[in-house]
N, C-alpha and C. Protein backbone atom coordinates (compact mmCIF):
# COMPACT_ATOMS: atom_id res chain seq x y z
N MET A 1 20.43 -49.61 33.01
CA MET A 1 20.12 -48.45 34.11
C MET A 1 20.85 -47.22 33.59
N ASN A 2 21.84 -47.43 34.49
CA ASN A 2 23.09 -46.33 34.48
C ASN A 2 23.47 -45.66 33.14
N ARG A 3 23.70 -46.28 32.25
CA ARG A 3 24.09 -46.09 30.84
C ARG A 3 23.13 -44.95 30.19
N PHE A 4 21.69 -45.71 30.43
CA PHE A 4 20.76 -45.07 29.82
C PHE A 4 20.59 -43.48 30.29
N ILE A 5 20.72 -43.28 31.59
CA ILE A 5 20.80 -42.26 32.40
C ILE A 5 22.15 -41.65 32.06
N ALA A 6 23.16 -41.85 31.87
CA ALA A 6 24.14 -41.17 31.69
C ALA A 6 24.07 -40.79 30.04
N TYR A 7 23.54 -41.57 29.15
CA TYR A 7 22.76 -41.18 27.95
C TYR A 7 22.38 -39.67 27.60
N GLU A 8 20.92 -39.96 28.70
CA GLU A 8 19.96 -38.89 28.84
C GLU A 8 21.07 -37.82 28.88
N THR A 9 21.45 -37.80 30.41
CA THR A 9 22.35 -36.63 30.83
C THR A 9 23.05 -36.15 29.59
N ASN A 10 23.81 -36.66 28.85
CA ASN A 10 25.15 -36.20 28.04
C ASN A 10 23.93 -35.48 26.85
N LEU A 11 22.87 -36.44 26.49
CA LEU A 11 22.40 -35.87 25.31
C LEU A 11 21.50 -34.21 25.83
N SER A 12 21.16 -34.33 27.17
CA SER A 12 20.39 -33.21 27.40
C SER A 12 21.56 -31.84 27.61
N ASP A 13 22.80 -32.14 28.14
CA ASP A 13 23.62 -31.25 28.17
C ASP A 13 24.09 -30.64 26.64
N THR A 14 24.35 -31.94 25.82
CA THR A 14 24.60 -31.32 24.66
C THR A 14 23.75 -30.37 23.80
N ILE A 15 22.15 -31.05 23.95
CA ILE A 15 21.27 -29.87 23.53
C ILE A 15 21.26 -28.59 23.91
N GLY A 16 21.63 -28.34 25.30
CA GLY A 16 21.62 -27.23 26.11
C GLY A 16 22.39 -26.54 25.49
N ALA A 17 23.72 -26.60 25.30
CA ALA A 17 24.73 -26.23 24.96
C ALA A 17 24.68 -25.50 23.42
N LEU A 18 23.95 -26.31 22.85
CA LEU A 18 23.56 -25.92 21.27
C LEU A 18 22.50 -24.90 21.47
N THR A 19 22.01 -25.44 22.15
CA THR A 19 20.63 -24.21 22.54
C THR A 19 21.27 -22.83 22.50
N LYS A 20 21.86 -22.79 23.62
CA LYS A 20 22.35 -21.45 24.31
C LYS A 20 22.98 -20.80 23.16
N MET A 21 24.13 -21.56 22.20
CA MET A 21 24.86 -21.00 21.18
C MET A 21 24.03 -20.26 20.07
N PHE A 22 23.02 -20.99 19.88
CA PHE A 22 22.19 -20.48 18.64
C PHE A 22 20.61 -20.18 19.18
N SER A 23 20.84 -19.44 20.55
CA SER A 23 19.47 -19.27 21.00
C SER A 23 18.62 -18.34 20.12
N LEU A 24 19.34 -17.28 19.22
CA LEU A 24 18.58 -16.18 19.06
C LEU A 24 18.09 -16.72 17.26
N TYR A 25 18.82 -17.73 16.70
CA TYR A 25 18.41 -18.29 15.46
C TYR A 25 17.43 -19.20 16.26
N LYS A 26 17.19 -19.89 17.17
CA LYS A 26 16.06 -21.03 17.15
C LYS A 26 14.85 -20.46 17.44
N ASN A 27 15.34 -19.14 18.34
CA ASN A 27 13.99 -18.17 18.74
C ASN A 27 13.23 -18.02 17.32
N PHE A 28 14.09 -17.66 16.46
CA PHE A 28 13.49 -16.91 15.52
C PHE A 28 12.75 -17.86 14.49
N ILE A 29 12.98 -18.91 14.17
CA ILE A 29 12.61 -20.04 13.68
C ILE A 29 11.37 -20.28 14.19
N GLN A 30 11.37 -20.56 15.56
CA GLN A 30 10.42 -21.05 16.30
C GLN A 30 9.07 -20.34 16.41
N ARG A 31 9.67 -19.07 15.69
CA ARG A 31 8.03 -18.08 15.75
C ARG A 31 6.79 -18.73 15.03
N ASP A 32 7.86 -19.32 13.61
CA ASP A 32 6.57 -20.03 12.72
C ASP A 32 6.74 -21.29 12.75
N LEU A 33 7.51 -22.26 13.37
CA LEU A 33 7.43 -23.43 13.21
C LEU A 33 8.04 -24.02 14.80
N SER A 34 7.35 -25.22 15.07
CA SER A 34 7.73 -26.05 16.53
C SER A 34 8.65 -26.90 16.28
N PHE A 35 9.77 -27.47 16.43
CA PHE A 35 10.42 -28.36 16.84
C PHE A 35 11.09 -29.14 17.78
N ASN A 36 10.66 -30.37 17.96
CA ASN A 36 10.75 -31.33 18.77
C ASN A 36 12.44 -31.27 19.25
N VAL A 37 12.82 -32.03 20.59
CA VAL A 37 14.25 -31.85 20.88
C VAL A 37 15.07 -32.71 19.73
N LEU A 38 14.89 -33.75 19.49
CA LEU A 38 15.45 -34.38 18.43
C LEU A 38 15.74 -33.59 17.32
N GLU A 39 14.58 -32.86 16.68
CA GLU A 39 14.28 -32.22 15.42
C GLU A 39 15.65 -30.91 15.29
N TRP A 40 15.27 -30.41 16.92
CA TRP A 40 16.11 -29.04 16.96
C TRP A 40 17.91 -29.45 16.86
N LYS A 41 17.99 -30.96 17.38
CA LYS A 41 19.49 -31.39 17.70
C LYS A 41 20.05 -31.63 16.31
N LEU A 42 19.13 -31.92 15.45
CA LEU A 42 19.72 -32.40 14.01
C LEU A 42 20.01 -30.73 13.45
N ILE A 43 19.05 -30.09 13.71
CA ILE A 43 19.49 -28.26 12.59
C ILE A 43 20.39 -28.26 13.51
N ALA A 44 20.74 -27.95 14.75
CA ALA A 44 21.78 -27.54 15.44
C ALA A 44 22.81 -28.25 15.14
N SER A 45 23.29 -29.21 14.91
CA SER A 45 24.38 -30.03 14.22
C SER A 45 24.85 -29.23 12.85
N GLN A 46 24.14 -28.56 12.13
CA GLN A 46 24.37 -28.47 10.87
C GLN A 46 24.94 -26.73 11.22
N LEU A 47 25.07 -26.16 12.52
CA LEU A 47 24.87 -24.90 12.49
C LEU A 47 26.43 -24.78 12.94
N SER A 48 26.92 -23.49 12.70
CA SER A 48 27.99 -22.97 13.15
C SER A 48 28.15 -21.44 13.43
N LEU A 49 29.14 -21.16 14.21
CA LEU A 49 29.44 -19.48 14.30
C LEU A 49 30.38 -19.01 13.62
N LYS A 50 30.43 -17.50 12.69
CA LYS A 50 31.69 -17.23 12.11
C LYS A 50 31.41 -15.66 12.43
N THR A 51 32.42 -14.98 12.72
CA THR A 51 32.79 -13.58 12.63
C THR A 51 33.31 -13.05 11.74
N PHE A 52 32.92 -11.59 11.14
CA PHE A 52 33.21 -10.85 10.43
C PHE A 52 33.54 -9.65 10.80
N GLN A 53 34.72 -9.02 10.39
CA GLN A 53 35.03 -7.69 10.96
C GLN A 53 34.94 -6.38 10.48
N LYS A 54 34.40 -5.34 10.94
CA LYS A 54 33.54 -4.19 10.07
C LYS A 54 34.50 -4.04 9.00
N GLY A 55 34.56 -3.45 7.60
CA GLY A 55 34.50 -3.23 6.40
C GLY A 55 34.90 -4.57 5.69
N GLU A 56 34.92 -5.92 6.44
CA GLU A 56 35.06 -6.89 5.56
C GLU A 56 34.06 -7.24 4.40
N ILE A 57 34.59 -7.96 3.08
CA ILE A 57 33.50 -8.10 2.54
C ILE A 57 33.16 -9.37 2.76
N ILE A 58 31.68 -9.72 2.94
CA ILE A 58 31.42 -11.08 3.24
C ILE A 58 30.95 -11.94 1.79
N LEU A 59 30.46 -11.11 1.12
CA LEU A 59 30.26 -11.83 -0.46
C LEU A 59 30.45 -10.75 -1.71
N HIS A 60 31.39 -11.40 -2.50
CA HIS A 60 31.86 -10.41 -3.71
C HIS A 60 30.78 -10.78 -4.75
N GLN A 61 30.62 -9.92 -5.56
CA GLN A 61 29.49 -9.86 -6.85
C GLN A 61 30.11 -10.96 -7.59
N GLY A 62 29.20 -11.96 -7.94
CA GLY A 62 30.23 -12.78 -9.13
C GLY A 62 30.40 -14.06 -8.66
N ASP A 63 30.98 -13.94 -7.34
CA ASP A 63 31.16 -15.38 -6.42
C ASP A 63 29.56 -16.21 -5.92
N ILE A 64 29.82 -17.46 -5.94
CA ILE A 64 28.55 -18.10 -5.51
C ILE A 64 28.10 -18.21 -4.21
N CYS A 65 27.43 -17.89 -4.06
CA CYS A 65 26.53 -17.77 -2.33
C CYS A 65 26.79 -18.83 -1.84
N LYS A 66 27.59 -19.73 -1.19
CA LYS A 66 27.36 -21.18 -0.71
C LYS A 66 26.68 -21.05 0.79
N GLU A 67 27.15 -20.06 1.51
CA GLU A 67 26.38 -19.93 2.75
C GLU A 67 25.53 -19.54 3.14
N LEU A 68 24.46 -19.75 4.17
CA LEU A 68 23.54 -18.80 4.51
C LEU A 68 23.61 -18.48 5.96
N TYR A 69 23.46 -16.90 6.13
CA TYR A 69 24.09 -16.46 7.48
C TYR A 69 23.02 -15.91 8.50
N PHE A 70 22.84 -16.25 9.08
CA PHE A 70 21.72 -15.82 10.35
C PHE A 70 22.52 -14.98 10.97
N ILE A 71 21.85 -13.44 10.93
CA ILE A 71 23.06 -12.37 11.95
C ILE A 71 22.74 -12.40 13.06
N ASN A 72 23.53 -12.74 14.27
CA ASN A 72 23.31 -12.85 15.53
C ASN A 72 23.52 -11.17 16.28
N SER A 73 24.55 -10.70 15.63
CA SER A 73 25.15 -9.22 15.87
C SER A 73 25.36 -8.52 15.31
N GLY A 74 25.58 -7.09 15.04
CA GLY A 74 25.93 -6.45 14.24
C GLY A 74 25.41 -5.69 13.29
N LEU A 75 26.23 -5.44 11.77
CA LEU A 75 25.34 -4.74 10.88
C LEU A 75 25.72 -4.76 9.47
N ALA A 76 25.41 -5.24 8.63
CA ALA A 76 25.91 -5.30 6.95
C ALA A 76 24.89 -4.60 6.06
N ARG A 77 25.36 -4.59 4.95
CA ARG A 77 24.87 -4.08 3.89
C ARG A 77 24.64 -4.97 2.50
N GLY A 78 23.63 -5.05 1.81
CA GLY A 78 24.07 -5.63 0.18
C GLY A 78 23.92 -4.66 -0.37
N TYR A 79 24.54 -4.44 -1.48
CA TYR A 79 24.78 -3.45 -2.54
C TYR A 79 25.28 -3.93 -3.88
N VAL A 80 24.77 -2.81 -4.77
CA VAL A 80 25.21 -3.26 -6.53
C VAL A 80 25.82 -2.09 -6.90
N ILE A 81 26.95 -2.26 -7.94
CA ILE A 81 27.80 -1.29 -8.50
C ILE A 81 27.20 -1.00 -9.95
N ASN A 82 27.00 0.10 -10.21
CA ASN A 82 26.94 0.28 -11.85
C ASN A 82 28.12 0.57 -12.54
N GLU A 83 27.60 1.00 -13.69
CA GLU A 83 28.48 0.98 -14.68
C GLU A 83 29.43 2.35 -14.92
N ARG A 84 29.34 2.98 -13.74
CA ARG A 84 30.00 4.13 -13.38
C ARG A 84 30.63 3.95 -12.32
N GLY A 85 30.47 3.08 -11.65
CA GLY A 85 31.23 2.75 -10.45
C GLY A 85 30.40 3.25 -9.02
N LYS A 86 29.31 3.56 -9.10
CA LYS A 86 28.45 3.87 -8.29
C LYS A 86 27.76 2.87 -7.39
N ASP A 87 27.92 3.11 -5.87
CA ASP A 87 27.00 1.76 -5.60
C ASP A 87 25.99 2.00 -4.86
N PHE A 88 24.98 1.17 -4.66
CA PHE A 88 23.60 1.54 -4.59
C PHE A 88 23.05 0.30 -3.59
N THR A 89 23.11 0.90 -2.11
CA THR A 89 22.30 -0.07 -0.98
C THR A 89 20.94 -0.81 -1.18
N TRP A 90 21.21 -2.40 -1.64
CA TRP A 90 19.84 -3.06 -1.82
C TRP A 90 19.28 -3.49 -0.61
N SER A 91 19.92 -3.70 0.16
CA SER A 91 19.43 -4.20 1.39
C SER A 91 20.23 -4.11 2.51
N ILE A 92 19.90 -4.00 3.92
CA ILE A 92 20.33 -3.94 5.29
C ILE A 92 20.11 -4.77 6.01
N PHE A 93 21.26 -5.26 6.53
CA PHE A 93 21.00 -6.85 7.35
C PHE A 93 21.09 -6.39 9.09
N PHE A 94 20.38 -6.66 9.97
CA PHE A 94 20.63 -6.48 11.28
C PHE A 94 19.68 -7.41 11.99
N ASN A 95 19.48 -7.18 13.34
CA ASN A 95 18.67 -8.06 14.16
C ASN A 95 18.34 -7.36 15.51
N ASP A 96 17.01 -6.75 15.31
CA ASP A 96 16.60 -6.23 16.47
C ASP A 96 15.10 -6.59 16.57
N THR A 97 14.24 -5.67 17.10
CA THR A 97 12.97 -6.26 17.12
C THR A 97 12.10 -5.56 15.79
N ASN A 98 12.77 -4.70 15.50
CA ASN A 98 12.24 -4.36 14.29
C ASN A 98 12.18 -5.22 12.66
N ALA A 99 13.64 -6.11 12.84
CA ALA A 99 14.07 -6.79 11.88
C ALA A 99 12.80 -7.77 11.25
N HIS A 100 13.18 -7.83 9.74
CA HIS A 100 12.06 -9.18 9.38
C HIS A 100 12.98 -10.05 8.71
N MET A 101 12.70 -11.21 8.30
CA MET A 101 13.48 -12.47 7.84
C MET A 101 14.34 -11.32 6.65
N SER A 102 13.87 -10.89 5.98
CA SER A 102 14.84 -10.28 4.61
C SER A 102 16.08 -9.99 5.45
N ASN A 103 15.79 -9.05 6.51
CA ASN A 103 16.76 -8.33 7.56
C ASN A 103 17.77 -9.29 8.19
N LEU A 104 17.35 -10.61 8.59
CA LEU A 104 18.06 -11.32 9.36
C LEU A 104 19.43 -12.19 8.69
N PHE A 105 18.68 -12.77 7.33
CA PHE A 105 19.42 -13.81 6.81
C PHE A 105 20.59 -12.82 5.75
N VAL A 106 21.72 -12.93 6.50
CA VAL A 106 22.82 -12.08 5.34
C VAL A 106 23.33 -12.88 3.97
N THR A 107 22.60 -12.78 2.81
CA THR A 107 22.92 -13.62 1.43
C THR A 107 22.13 -12.65 0.29
N ASP A 108 22.78 -13.21 -0.41
CA ASP A 108 22.08 -13.19 -2.00
C ASP A 108 21.13 -14.28 -2.30
N TYR A 109 19.59 -14.15 -2.06
CA TYR A 109 19.11 -15.54 -1.83
C TYR A 109 18.89 -16.23 -2.88
N GLU A 110 19.15 -15.67 -3.89
CA GLU A 110 18.79 -16.37 -5.89
C GLU A 110 20.09 -16.99 -5.42
N SER A 111 21.68 -16.11 -5.30
CA SER A 111 22.33 -17.00 -5.69
C SER A 111 22.83 -18.47 -5.01
N PHE A 112 22.22 -17.99 -3.70
CA PHE A 112 22.44 -19.21 -2.62
C PHE A 112 21.55 -20.22 -2.95
N LEU A 113 19.94 -19.97 -3.64
CA LEU A 113 19.14 -21.16 -4.06
C LEU A 113 19.36 -21.69 -5.19
N HIS A 114 19.95 -21.04 -6.30
CA HIS A 114 20.06 -21.49 -7.27
C HIS A 114 22.03 -21.93 -7.63
N GLN A 115 22.46 -21.88 -6.75
CA GLN A 115 23.89 -21.78 -6.58
C GLN A 115 24.55 -21.44 -7.78
N LYS A 116 24.29 -20.20 -8.31
CA LYS A 116 24.79 -19.15 -9.52
C LYS A 116 25.60 -18.33 -9.22
N ALA A 117 25.78 -17.04 -9.76
CA ALA A 117 26.66 -16.00 -9.39
C ALA A 117 25.71 -15.01 -8.46
N SER A 118 26.66 -14.31 -7.68
CA SER A 118 26.01 -13.55 -6.75
C SER A 118 25.75 -11.98 -7.88
N THR A 119 24.74 -11.36 -7.50
CA THR A 119 24.63 -10.11 -8.41
C THR A 119 24.81 -9.22 -7.39
N ILE A 120 25.35 -9.43 -6.14
CA ILE A 120 25.35 -7.91 -5.07
C ILE A 120 26.51 -8.34 -4.36
N HIS A 121 27.29 -7.45 -3.64
CA HIS A 121 28.10 -7.58 -2.85
C HIS A 121 27.49 -7.06 -1.49
N ILE A 122 27.98 -8.00 -0.37
CA ILE A 122 27.77 -7.65 0.75
C ILE A 122 28.92 -7.42 1.70
N GLU A 123 28.77 -6.46 2.76
CA GLU A 123 30.13 -6.06 3.66
C GLU A 123 29.56 -5.80 4.75
N ALA A 124 30.07 -5.67 5.46
CA ALA A 124 30.17 -5.67 7.28
C ALA A 124 30.26 -4.30 7.63
N LEU A 125 29.21 -3.50 7.90
CA LEU A 125 29.34 -2.32 8.30
C LEU A 125 29.73 -2.20 9.75
N GLU A 126 29.59 -3.02 10.87
CA GLU A 126 30.12 -3.16 11.61
C GLU A 126 30.53 -4.61 12.15
N ASP A 127 31.45 -5.18 13.28
CA ASP A 127 31.71 -6.47 13.78
C ASP A 127 30.56 -7.14 13.68
N CYS A 128 30.52 -8.40 12.72
CA CYS A 128 29.65 -9.33 12.96
C CYS A 128 29.50 -10.42 13.72
N GLU A 129 28.71 -10.77 14.00
CA GLU A 129 28.47 -12.73 14.48
C GLU A 129 27.34 -13.13 13.66
N VAL A 130 27.82 -14.61 13.12
CA VAL A 130 26.49 -14.75 12.05
C VAL A 130 26.60 -16.28 12.55
N VAL A 131 25.21 -16.95 12.34
CA VAL A 131 24.83 -18.16 12.44
C VAL A 131 25.39 -18.92 10.95
N VAL A 132 25.87 -19.76 10.75
CA VAL A 132 25.97 -20.35 9.49
C VAL A 132 25.39 -21.48 9.12
N THR A 133 25.23 -21.68 8.13
CA THR A 133 24.44 -22.93 7.60
C THR A 133 24.93 -23.01 5.92
N SER A 134 25.20 -24.26 5.49
CA SER A 134 25.71 -24.33 4.23
C SER A 134 24.83 -24.74 3.58
N PHE A 135 24.72 -24.57 2.20
CA PHE A 135 23.65 -24.98 0.99
C PHE A 135 23.64 -26.54 1.16
N TRP A 136 24.84 -27.17 1.20
CA TRP A 136 24.60 -28.62 1.60
C TRP A 136 24.09 -29.09 2.68
N ASP A 137 24.00 -28.61 3.72
CA ASP A 137 23.25 -28.59 5.08
C ASP A 137 22.05 -28.54 5.27
N ILE A 138 21.70 -27.44 4.79
CA ILE A 138 19.99 -26.80 4.35
C ILE A 138 19.62 -27.89 3.44
N GLN A 139 20.37 -28.48 2.29
CA GLN A 139 19.48 -29.83 1.83
C GLN A 139 19.16 -30.85 3.03
N LEU A 140 20.49 -31.35 3.30
CA LEU A 140 20.25 -32.52 4.38
C LEU A 140 19.01 -32.19 5.49
N ILE A 141 18.93 -30.89 5.85
CA ILE A 141 17.58 -30.45 6.53
C ILE A 141 16.56 -30.49 5.79
N TYR A 142 16.22 -30.13 4.80
CA TYR A 142 15.25 -30.39 4.09
C TYR A 142 14.90 -31.67 3.91
N ASN A 143 16.00 -32.67 3.72
CA ASN A 143 15.31 -34.12 3.07
C ASN A 143 14.83 -34.81 4.56
N LYS A 144 15.61 -34.57 5.76
CA LYS A 144 15.25 -34.88 7.06
C LYS A 144 14.21 -34.68 7.56
N LEU A 145 13.96 -33.25 7.53
CA LEU A 145 12.34 -33.07 8.38
C LEU A 145 11.60 -32.11 7.39
N LYS A 146 10.43 -32.67 7.54
CA LYS A 146 9.48 -31.73 6.41
C LYS A 146 9.03 -30.22 6.69
N LYS A 147 9.44 -29.94 8.26
CA LYS A 147 9.47 -28.64 8.77
C LYS A 147 10.39 -28.02 8.12
N GLY A 148 11.97 -28.81 7.87
CA GLY A 148 12.69 -27.93 7.22
C GLY A 148 12.18 -27.24 6.12
N GLU A 149 11.41 -28.33 5.42
CA GLU A 149 11.11 -27.72 3.85
C GLU A 149 10.43 -26.21 4.10
N ARG A 150 9.18 -26.47 4.78
CA ARG A 150 8.44 -25.98 5.30
C ARG A 150 9.16 -24.39 5.59
N PHE A 151 10.18 -24.40 6.18
CA PHE A 151 11.09 -23.27 6.63
C PHE A 151 11.46 -22.49 5.33
N GLY A 152 12.22 -23.52 4.61
CA GLY A 152 12.47 -22.90 3.47
C GLY A 152 11.63 -22.48 2.13
N ARG A 153 10.26 -22.93 2.35
CA ARG A 153 9.16 -22.14 1.54
C ARG A 153 8.99 -20.70 2.15
N LEU A 154 8.98 -20.75 3.42
CA LEU A 154 8.57 -19.44 3.81
C LEU A 154 9.81 -18.26 3.41
N MET A 155 11.29 -18.86 3.56
CA MET A 155 12.26 -18.08 2.87
C MET A 155 11.99 -17.39 1.89
N ALA A 156 11.57 -18.34 0.87
CA ALA A 156 11.45 -18.14 -0.56
C ALA A 156 10.37 -17.01 -0.40
N GLU A 157 9.36 -17.25 0.26
CA GLU A 157 7.91 -16.51 0.19
C GLU A 157 8.59 -14.99 0.85
N GLU A 158 9.25 -15.17 1.83
CA GLU A 158 9.69 -13.86 2.39
C GLU A 158 10.57 -12.82 1.35
N ALA A 159 11.37 -13.65 0.57
CA ALA A 159 12.35 -13.31 -0.38
C ALA A 159 11.53 -12.38 -1.93
N TYR A 160 10.82 -13.11 -1.92
CA TYR A 160 9.72 -12.50 -3.11
C TYR A 160 9.19 -11.47 -2.45
N SER A 161 8.39 -11.53 -1.39
CA SER A 161 7.82 -10.41 -0.67
C SER A 161 8.40 -9.28 -0.92
N TYR A 162 10.01 -9.10 -0.29
CA TYR A 162 10.84 -8.17 0.04
C TYR A 162 11.17 -7.56 -1.67
N LEU A 163 11.29 -8.30 -2.27
CA LEU A 163 11.62 -7.57 -3.58
C LEU A 163 10.59 -7.01 -4.27
N HIS A 164 9.39 -7.63 -4.09
CA HIS A 164 8.26 -7.23 -4.56
C HIS A 164 8.12 -5.70 -4.33
N ASN A 165 7.82 -5.59 -2.99
CA ASN A 165 7.78 -4.44 -2.29
C ASN A 165 8.61 -3.39 -2.17
N HIS A 166 9.71 -3.89 -2.08
CA HIS A 166 10.75 -2.82 -2.58
C HIS A 166 10.69 -1.67 -3.88
N ILE A 167 10.55 -2.54 -4.87
CA ILE A 167 10.40 -1.90 -6.45
C ILE A 167 8.74 -1.10 -6.33
N ILE A 168 8.07 -1.89 -6.13
CA ILE A 168 6.82 -1.29 -6.08
C ILE A 168 6.95 0.20 -5.22
N GLU A 169 7.69 0.08 -4.03
CA GLU A 169 7.54 1.28 -3.07
C GLU A 169 8.52 2.42 -3.45
N ARG A 170 9.19 2.14 -4.34
CA ARG A 170 10.08 3.02 -5.12
C ARG A 170 9.64 3.97 -6.53
N GLU A 171 8.62 2.77 -6.93
CA GLU A 171 7.53 3.64 -8.07
C GLU A 171 6.21 4.51 -7.68
N THR A 172 6.03 4.09 -6.44
CA THR A 172 4.73 4.58 -5.97
C THR A 172 4.84 5.34 -4.95
N LYS A 173 5.55 5.38 -3.98
CA LYS A 173 5.79 6.19 -2.77
C LYS A 173 6.66 7.19 -3.03
N SER A 174 6.33 8.56 -2.63
CA SER A 174 7.38 9.45 -2.68
C SER A 174 8.41 9.40 -1.75
N ALA A 175 9.26 10.09 -1.90
CA ALA A 175 10.40 9.94 -1.18
C ALA A 175 10.20 10.42 0.13
N LYS A 176 9.50 11.20 0.67
CA LYS A 176 9.13 11.78 2.15
C LYS A 176 8.57 10.00 2.86
N GLU A 177 7.43 9.44 1.87
CA GLU A 177 6.69 8.54 2.26
C GLU A 177 7.65 7.56 2.76
N ARG A 178 8.64 7.10 1.54
CA ARG A 178 9.46 6.03 1.91
C ARG A 178 10.47 6.20 3.32
N PHE A 179 11.16 7.87 3.68
CA PHE A 179 11.44 7.78 4.52
C PHE A 179 10.92 8.12 6.16
N GLU A 180 9.57 8.16 5.88
CA GLU A 180 8.55 8.12 6.82
C GLU A 180 8.33 6.44 7.33
N LYS A 181 8.26 6.04 6.41
CA LYS A 181 8.43 4.28 6.83
C LYS A 181 9.78 3.68 7.34
N PHE A 182 10.50 4.05 6.90
CA PHE A 182 11.73 3.80 7.27
C PHE A 182 12.18 4.37 8.72
N LEU A 183 11.87 5.71 9.04
CA LEU A 183 11.86 5.93 10.42
C LEU A 183 11.06 5.30 11.36
N LYS A 184 9.67 4.96 10.69
CA LYS A 184 8.98 4.26 11.79
C LYS A 184 9.30 2.99 12.03
N GLN A 185 9.95 1.85 11.05
CA GLN A 185 10.14 0.36 11.24
C GLN A 185 11.20 0.36 11.50
N THR A 186 12.43 1.10 10.89
CA THR A 186 13.83 1.00 11.73
C THR A 186 14.66 2.27 12.10
N PRO A 187 14.12 2.65 13.16
CA PRO A 187 14.63 3.84 13.91
C PRO A 187 16.46 3.44 14.19
N TYR A 188 16.59 2.24 14.96
CA TYR A 188 17.86 1.73 14.62
C TYR A 188 19.18 1.96 14.12
N LEU A 189 18.62 2.09 12.56
CA LEU A 189 19.73 1.95 11.29
C LEU A 189 19.70 3.44 11.26
N LEU A 190 18.62 4.38 12.02
CA LEU A 190 19.01 5.92 11.59
C LEU A 190 20.52 6.04 12.58
N GLU A 191 20.94 5.63 13.55
CA GLU A 191 22.11 5.99 14.17
C GLU A 191 23.10 5.16 13.74
N LYS A 192 22.95 4.03 12.96
CA LYS A 192 23.92 3.02 12.65
C LYS A 192 24.94 3.29 11.65
N VAL A 193 23.65 3.58 10.50
CA VAL A 193 24.09 3.61 8.86
C VAL A 193 24.76 4.60 8.40
N PRO A 194 25.70 4.90 7.83
CA PRO A 194 25.73 6.22 7.03
C PRO A 194 25.06 6.80 5.85
N GLN A 195 24.90 8.03 6.16
CA GLN A 195 23.53 8.85 5.43
C GLN A 195 23.71 8.40 4.09
N TYR A 196 24.88 8.16 2.88
CA TYR A 196 24.84 7.76 1.74
C TYR A 196 24.33 6.53 1.34
N HIS A 197 24.42 5.50 2.35
CA HIS A 197 23.99 4.15 2.08
C HIS A 197 22.18 4.31 2.28
N ILE A 198 21.52 5.10 3.52
CA ILE A 198 20.48 5.04 3.93
C ILE A 198 20.10 5.78 2.74
N ALA A 199 20.53 7.06 1.81
CA ALA A 199 19.89 7.51 0.63
C ALA A 199 19.64 6.73 -0.48
N THR A 200 20.70 5.89 -0.59
CA THR A 200 21.25 5.09 -1.66
C THR A 200 19.84 4.16 -1.55
N PHE A 201 19.78 3.29 -0.26
CA PHE A 201 18.75 2.69 -0.07
C PHE A 201 17.19 2.79 -0.35
N LEU A 202 16.96 4.01 0.16
CA LEU A 202 15.67 4.95 -0.17
C LEU A 202 15.41 5.38 -1.60
N GLY A 203 16.36 5.34 -2.29
CA GLY A 203 16.25 6.00 -3.56
C GLY A 203 16.62 7.37 -3.78
N ILE A 204 16.99 7.92 -2.56
CA ILE A 204 17.23 9.40 -2.92
C ILE A 204 18.36 9.93 -2.98
N THR A 205 18.75 11.41 -2.92
CA THR A 205 20.06 11.94 -2.92
C THR A 205 20.56 12.10 -1.76
N PRO A 206 21.41 12.10 -1.42
CA PRO A 206 21.92 12.33 0.38
C PRO A 206 21.51 13.64 0.85
N GLN A 207 21.73 14.65 -0.48
CA GLN A 207 21.15 16.29 0.06
C GLN A 207 19.47 16.26 0.10
N HIS A 208 18.83 15.15 -0.59
CA HIS A 208 17.57 15.23 -0.09
C HIS A 208 17.11 14.38 0.96
N LEU A 209 17.82 13.23 1.69
CA LEU A 209 18.04 12.97 2.99
C LEU A 209 18.00 14.17 4.10
N SER A 210 19.33 14.80 3.86
CA SER A 210 19.47 15.73 4.56
C SER A 210 18.42 16.86 4.77
N ARG A 211 17.61 17.32 3.79
CA ARG A 211 16.77 17.98 3.86
C ARG A 211 15.70 17.32 4.48
N LEU A 212 15.36 16.24 4.36
CA LEU A 212 13.93 15.58 5.45
C LEU A 212 14.74 15.19 6.66
N LYS A 213 15.65 15.23 7.01
CA LYS A 213 16.16 15.03 8.51
C LYS A 213 16.04 16.35 9.23
N LYS A 214 16.32 17.66 8.39
CA LYS A 214 15.89 18.68 9.02
C LYS A 214 14.65 19.16 9.46
N GLU A 215 13.89 18.28 8.39
CA GLU A 215 11.91 18.57 8.44
C GLU A 215 11.73 17.78 9.71
N TYR A 216 12.53 16.50 9.97
CA TYR A 216 11.89 15.91 11.08
C TYR A 216 12.85 15.98 12.43
N LYS A 217 13.68 16.78 12.23
CA LYS A 217 15.05 17.61 13.25
C LYS A 217 15.31 16.03 13.97
N ILE A 218 16.08 14.82 12.88
CA ILE A 218 16.90 14.18 13.65
C ILE A 218 18.55 14.15 13.09
N ASN A 219 19.05 13.66 13.68
CA ASN A 219 20.53 13.46 13.72
C ASN A 219 20.92 12.33 13.34
N ILE A 220 21.72 11.85 11.90
CA ILE A 220 22.01 10.51 11.43
C ILE A 220 23.48 10.88 11.16
N CYS A 221 23.91 9.53 11.31
CA CYS A 221 25.66 9.65 11.40
C CYS A 221 25.80 9.65 10.05
N GLU A 222 26.57 10.38 9.63
CA GLU A 222 27.68 10.66 8.51
C GLU A 222 28.20 9.70 7.99
């Protein structure tokens, strides 16, 4: 009996420590899925924490994305560089109440999913703390848990939805409409992300963004 009580206590302590360490990640995945104590312990056992310093390159274009990062704190961006050496911000990663799945997971999902060369760079705009899951750890979770497979499917659907909407809005919405949506959905970023990166993310010039700022009387960091 004492051994059983000791085992229960140790299990409870372990799960409690893992839950505290990965609480933001757990809260996020449980918005769509419910895991019991042992299922969560399996997931948490495959997780670790990593930090990146401001300005550090998290992923280089051409490298294979072997780890999936859930952003606990900080700010990062994914970007591409054209043949003239000019970079364009493709995605912005952050974690606040306005964040969607595509904002929370710092990754080139296509590279991660198929283990092929990345088409984007990812850099830390601020010091970042991330929850790490390797490609092979994800496969283990998928194999062990049916709910894990469902979560993977949700991620794939979100990645497709983000790509679809991003391209369609670039072609169908005016610059002002894209800025208004950005302003409404992610005001947090206006105070954090340099103007040039916001402009390329919206598909407009920095000068056009400056005019929109003046129209809305907003100060954004340069």
